[in-house]
Amino acid sequence: MDGSPSYKDLEVVNNEYKDRDYNIRIEVPEFNCVCPKTSLPDFANIKITYIPDENIVELKSLKLYMVKFRNLGIYHEHVTNQILNDLVRVLSPRKINVVGDFHPRGGVKTAVEAVWEK
């Protein structure tokens, strides 16, 4: 579990229901990373909703991938889009939406929503 998070950390499982559209919703309510300006911790609820195609993400690998952000200095916008890009790369879903709903710090609350569709 060393290093920065990468799409290579994410494992996939065959989607046995690829003949239909259905939503998969995943929440990571204890996500954290580090502010690149202040080095203070940032906490968020990461919400992933996707319509799979050939594959679905294996949840233990997703959990271990998310933990790798813990000590990474990264902006809210960047982390949300990196998660989206990495999931698109390994899953090629029909549609995916990633929301980074960050807890308030210093009187500012941020929510970032990134969307990708085939």
C-alpha atoms as a PDB file:
ATOM      1  CA  MET A   1       0.000   0.000   0.000  1.00  0.00           C
ATOM      2  CA  ASP A   2       2.953   2.302  -0.632  1.00  0.00           C
ATOM      3  CA  GLY A   3       3.001   5.308  -2.946  1.00  0.00           C
ATOM      4  CA  SER A   4       0.467   7.602  -4.468  1.00  0.00           C
ATOM      5  CA  PRO A   5      -2.974   6.398  -5.527  1.00  0.00           C
ATOM      6  CA  SER A   6      -3.088   5.044  -9.077  1.00  0.00           C
ATOM      7  CA  TYR A   7      -5.636   3.433 -11.362  1.00  0.00           C
ATOM      8  CA  LYS A   8      -3.382   0.357 -11.113  1.00  0.00           C
ATOM      9  CA  ASP A   9      -4.560  -0.072  -7.501  1.00  0.00           C
ATOM     10  CA  LEU A  10      -8.147  -0.638  -8.648  1.00  0.00           C
ATOM     11  CA  GLU A  11      -9.310  -4.169  -9.400  1.00  0.00           C
ATOM     12  CA  VAL A  12     -12.382  -5.001 -11.452  1.00  0.00           C
ATOM     13  CA  VAL A  13     -14.982  -7.749 -11.466  1.00  0.00           C
ATOM     14  CA  ASN A  14     -16.968  -8.897 -14.488  1.00  0.00           C
ATOM     15  CA  ASN A  15     -20.419  -7.292 -14.697  1.00  0.00           C
ATOM     16  CA  GLU A  16     -22.863 -10.174 -15.053  1.00  0.00           C
ATOM     17  CA  TYR A  17     -25.733  -7.794 -15.906  1.00  0.00           C
ATOM     18  CA  LYS A  18     -24.174  -5.780 -18.744  1.00  0.00           C
ATOM     19  CA  ASP A  19     -27.373  -6.250 -20.784  1.00  0.00           C
ATOM     20  CA  ARG A  20     -29.115  -3.600 -18.661  1.00  0.00           C
ATOM     21  CA  ASP A  21     -28.491  -0.169 -17.182  1.00  0.00           C
ATOM     22  CA  TYR A  22     -28.387  -0.011 -13.398  1.00  0.00           C
ATOM     23  CA  ASN A  23     -26.803   2.382 -10.926  1.00  0.00           C
ATOM     24  CA  ILE A  24     -24.107   1.472  -8.446  1.00  0.00           C
ATOM     25  CA  ARG A  25     -23.750   3.957  -5.574  1.00  0.00           C
ATOM     26  CA  ILE A  26     -20.695   3.923  -3.342  1.00  0.00           C
ATOM     27  CA  GLU A  27     -19.892   6.304  -0.481  1.00  0.00           C
ATOM     28  CA  VAL A  28     -16.579   6.774   1.273  1.00  0.00           C
ATOM     29  CA  PRO A  29     -17.651   8.887   4.292  1.00  0.00           C
ATOM     30  CA  GLU A  30     -14.248   8.930   6.010  1.00  0.00           C
ATOM     31  CA  PHE A  31     -12.101  10.081   3.084  1.00  0.00           C
ATOM     32  CA  ASN A  32      -9.184  12.331   3.914  1.00  0.00           C
ATOM     33  CA  CYS A  33      -6.269  14.005   2.194  1.00  0.00           C
ATOM     34  CA  VAL A  34      -4.031  16.987   2.985  1.00  0.00           C
ATOM     35  CA  CYS A  35      -4.331  20.634   1.987  1.00  0.00           C
ATOM     36  CA  PRO A  36      -1.322  21.379  -0.263  1.00  0.00           C
ATOM     37  CA  LYS A  37      -1.100  24.975   1.057  1.00  0.00           C
ATOM     38  CA  THR A  38      -1.361  24.448   4.814  1.00  0.00           C
ATOM     39  CA  SER A  39      -0.614  20.718   5.229  1.00  0.00           C
ATOM     40  CA  LEU A  40      -3.759  20.487   7.377  1.00  0.00           C
ATOM     41  CA  PRO A  41      -6.031  17.466   6.925  1.00  0.00           C
ATOM     42  CA  ASP A  42      -9.104  17.704   4.709  1.00  0.00           C
ATOM     43  CA  PHE A  43     -12.054  15.374   5.273  1.00  0.00           C
ATOM     44  CA  ALA A  44     -14.781  14.487   2.811  1.00  0.00           C
ATOM     45  CA  ASN A  45     -17.567  12.160   1.863  1.00  0.00           C
ATOM     46  CA  ILE A  46     -16.733  10.840  -1.611  1.00  0.00           C
ATOM     47  CA  LYS A  47     -19.864   9.737  -3.473  1.00  0.00           C
ATOM     48  CA  ILE A  48     -19.522   7.623  -6.600  1.00  0.00           C
ATOM     49  CA  THR A  49     -22.489   6.746  -8.807  1.00  0.00           C
ATOM     50  CA  TYR A  50     -21.993   4.851 -12.035  1.00  0.00           C
ATOM     51  CA  ILE A  51     -23.713   2.773 -14.673  1.00  0.00           C
ATOM     52  CA  PRO A  52     -21.326  -0.091 -15.383  1.00  0.00           C
ATOM     53  CA  ASP A  53     -20.552  -1.608 -18.748  1.00  0.00           C
ATOM     54  CA  GLU A  54     -18.269  -4.669 -18.846  1.00  0.00           C
ATOM     55  CA  ASN A  55     -16.823  -4.338 -15.322  1.00  0.00           C
ATOM     56  CA  ILE A  56     -17.571  -3.198 -11.787  1.00  0.00           C
ATOM     57  CA  VAL A  57     -15.013  -2.024  -9.239  1.00  0.00           C
ATOM     58  CA  GLU A  58     -13.933  -4.458  -6.540  1.00  0.00           C
ATOM     59  CA  LEU A  59     -14.688  -2.681  -3.257  1.00  0.00           C
ATOM     60  CA  LYS A  60     -11.693  -3.753  -1.164  1.00  0.00           C
ATOM     61  CA  SER A  61      -9.321  -2.440  -3.836  1.00  0.00           C
ATOM     62  CA  LEU A  62     -11.320   0.820  -3.929  1.00  0.00           C
ATOM     63  CA  LYS A  63     -10.978   1.153  -0.148  1.00  0.00           C
ATOM     64  CA  LEU A  64      -7.204   0.621  -0.288  1.00  0.00           C
ATOM     65  CA  TYR A  65      -6.941   3.077  -3.206  1.00  0.00           C
ATOM     66  CA  MET A  66      -8.819   5.742  -1.211  1.00  0.00           C
ATOM     67  CA  VAL A  67      -6.547   5.276   1.825  1.00  0.00           C
ATOM     68  CA  LYS A  68      -3.547   6.247  -0.315  1.00  0.00           C
ATOM     69  CA  PHE A  69      -4.843   9.843  -0.460  1.00  0.00           C
ATOM     70  CA  ARG A  70      -4.474  10.152   3.335  1.00  0.00           C
ATOM     71  CA  ASN A  71      -1.040  11.829   3.273  1.00  0.00           C
ATOM     72  CA  LEU A  72      -1.256  13.349  -0.196  1.00  0.00           C
ATOM     73  CA  GLY A  73      -1.309  17.130  -0.589  1.00  0.00           C
ATOM     74  CA  ILE A  74      -3.997  17.718  -3.223  1.00  0.00           C
ATOM     75  CA  TYR A  75      -6.718  20.275  -3.959  1.00  0.00           C
ATOM     76  CA  HIS A  76     -10.384  19.271  -3.656  1.00  0.00           C
ATOM     77  CA  GLU A  77     -10.968  19.772  -7.380  1.00  0.00           C
ATOM     78  CA  HIS A  78      -7.943  17.672  -8.310  1.00  0.00           C
ATOM     79  CA  VAL A  79      -8.695  14.757  -6.012  1.00  0.00           C
ATOM     80  CA  THR A  80     -12.295  14.509  -7.234  1.00  0.00           C
ATOM     81  CA  ASN A  81     -11.217  14.541 -10.877  1.00  0.00           C
ATOM     82  CA  GLN A  82      -8.359  12.092 -10.260  1.00  0.00           C
ATOM     83  CA  ILE A  83     -10.779   9.597  -8.723  1.00  0.00           C
ATOM     84  CA  LEU A  84     -13.094  10.048 -11.721  1.00  0.00           C
ATOM     85  CA  ASN A  85     -10.233   9.640 -14.230  1.00  0.00           C
ATOM     86  CA  ASP A  86      -8.872   6.522 -12.516  1.00  0.00           C
ATOM     87  CA  LEU A  87     -12.297   4.865 -12.350  1.00  0.00           C
ATOM     88  CA  VAL A  88     -13.030   5.702 -15.991  1.00  0.00           C
ATOM     89  CA  ARG A  89      -9.674   4.239 -16.995  1.00  0.00           C
ATOM     90  CA  VAL A  90     -10.267   0.863 -15.316  1.00  0.00           C
ATOM     91  CA  LEU A  91     -14.039   0.547 -15.722  1.00  0.00           C
ATOM     92  CA  SER A  92     -15.009   2.343 -18.955  1.00  0.00           C
ATOM     93  CA  PRO A  93     -18.481   2.757 -17.452  1.00  0.00           C
ATOM     94  CA  ARG A  94     -21.470   3.930 -19.452  1.00  0.00           C
ATOM     95  CA  LYS A  95     -21.714   6.914 -17.130  1.00  0.00           C
ATOM     96  CA  ILE A  96     -20.052   7.957 -13.864  1.00  0.00           C
ATOM     97  CA  ASN A  97     -20.432  10.801 -11.398  1.00  0.00           C
ATOM     98  CA  VAL A  98     -17.997  11.493  -8.536  1.00  0.00           C
ATOM     99  CA  VAL A  99     -18.796  14.036  -5.828  1.00  0.00           C
ATOM    100  CA  GLY A 100     -16.218  15.213  -3.317  1.00  0.00           C
ATOM    101  CA  ASP A 101     -18.295  16.693  -0.479  1.00  0.00           C
ATOM    102  CA  PHE A 102     -15.612  18.259   1.730  1.00  0.00           C
ATOM    103  CA  HIS A 103     -16.172  19.254   5.349  1.00  0.00           C
ATOM    104  CA  PRO A 104     -15.979  22.962   6.185  1.00  0.00           C
ATOM    105  CA  ARG A 105     -12.608  24.364   7.185  1.00  0.00           C
ATOM    106  CA  GLY A 106     -11.904  28.001   7.870  1.00  0.00           C
ATOM    107  CA  GLY A 107     -15.541  28.889   7.225  1.00  0.00           C
ATOM    108  CA  VAL A 108     -15.501  27.467   3.669  1.00  0.00           C
ATOM    109  CA  LYS A 109     -17.324  24.351   2.475  1.00  0.00           C
ATOM    110  CA  THR A 110     -16.549  22.831  -0.907  1.00  0.00           C
ATOM    111  CA  ALA A 111     -18.378  20.255  -2.991  1.00  0.00           C
ATOM    112  CA  VAL A 112     -16.919  19.212  -6.337  1.00  0.00           C
ATOM    113  CA  GLU A 113     -18.880  17.159  -8.855  1.00  0.00           C
ATOM    114  CA  ALA A 114     -17.153  15.538 -11.839  1.00  0.00           C
ATOM    115  CA  VAL A 115     -19.104  13.675 -14.547  1.00  0.00           C
ATOM    116  CA  TRP A 116     -18.114  11.440 -17.458  1.00  0.00           C
ATOM    117  CA  GLU A 117     -20.338   9.733 -20.013  1.00  0.00           C
ATOM    118  CA  LYS A 118     -19.598   7.562 -23.053  1.00  0.00           C
END
